[in-house]
């Protein structure tokens, strides 16, 4: 689906830009700014929850997957879920991911983009 690929391409571009900006800030300030990013696709529910302090929340398996990938990502990298990687392979930038970086130890993570 081209619309889904386009949305994923935009999110991946945002993640790449975040790492680029952090790298520049790290170099110019000498402050140890680092990030881990997990990207996944799938179903989520979104909405405002809470009465006293209403806040926007996302819940669902795709969010849980992205959070798990973020936790597993090496410092200064983006870790892609397998469905995200397979959807984006050959489309706008995932070509740069070396498939030798596959991390399929537990069927959760798939490939990472390292910026260190």
Foldseek 3Di string as FASTA:
>chain_A
DVVVLVVLLVVVVVVVVVLVVQVVCCVVVVDPDKFFWEAFDDDWDWDWDDDVDTDIDIDDDRVVLRVVRSVVGDIQKYWYFPVSLVSCVPPNPSVPWDQVQQDCPPNRTGTMGHDD
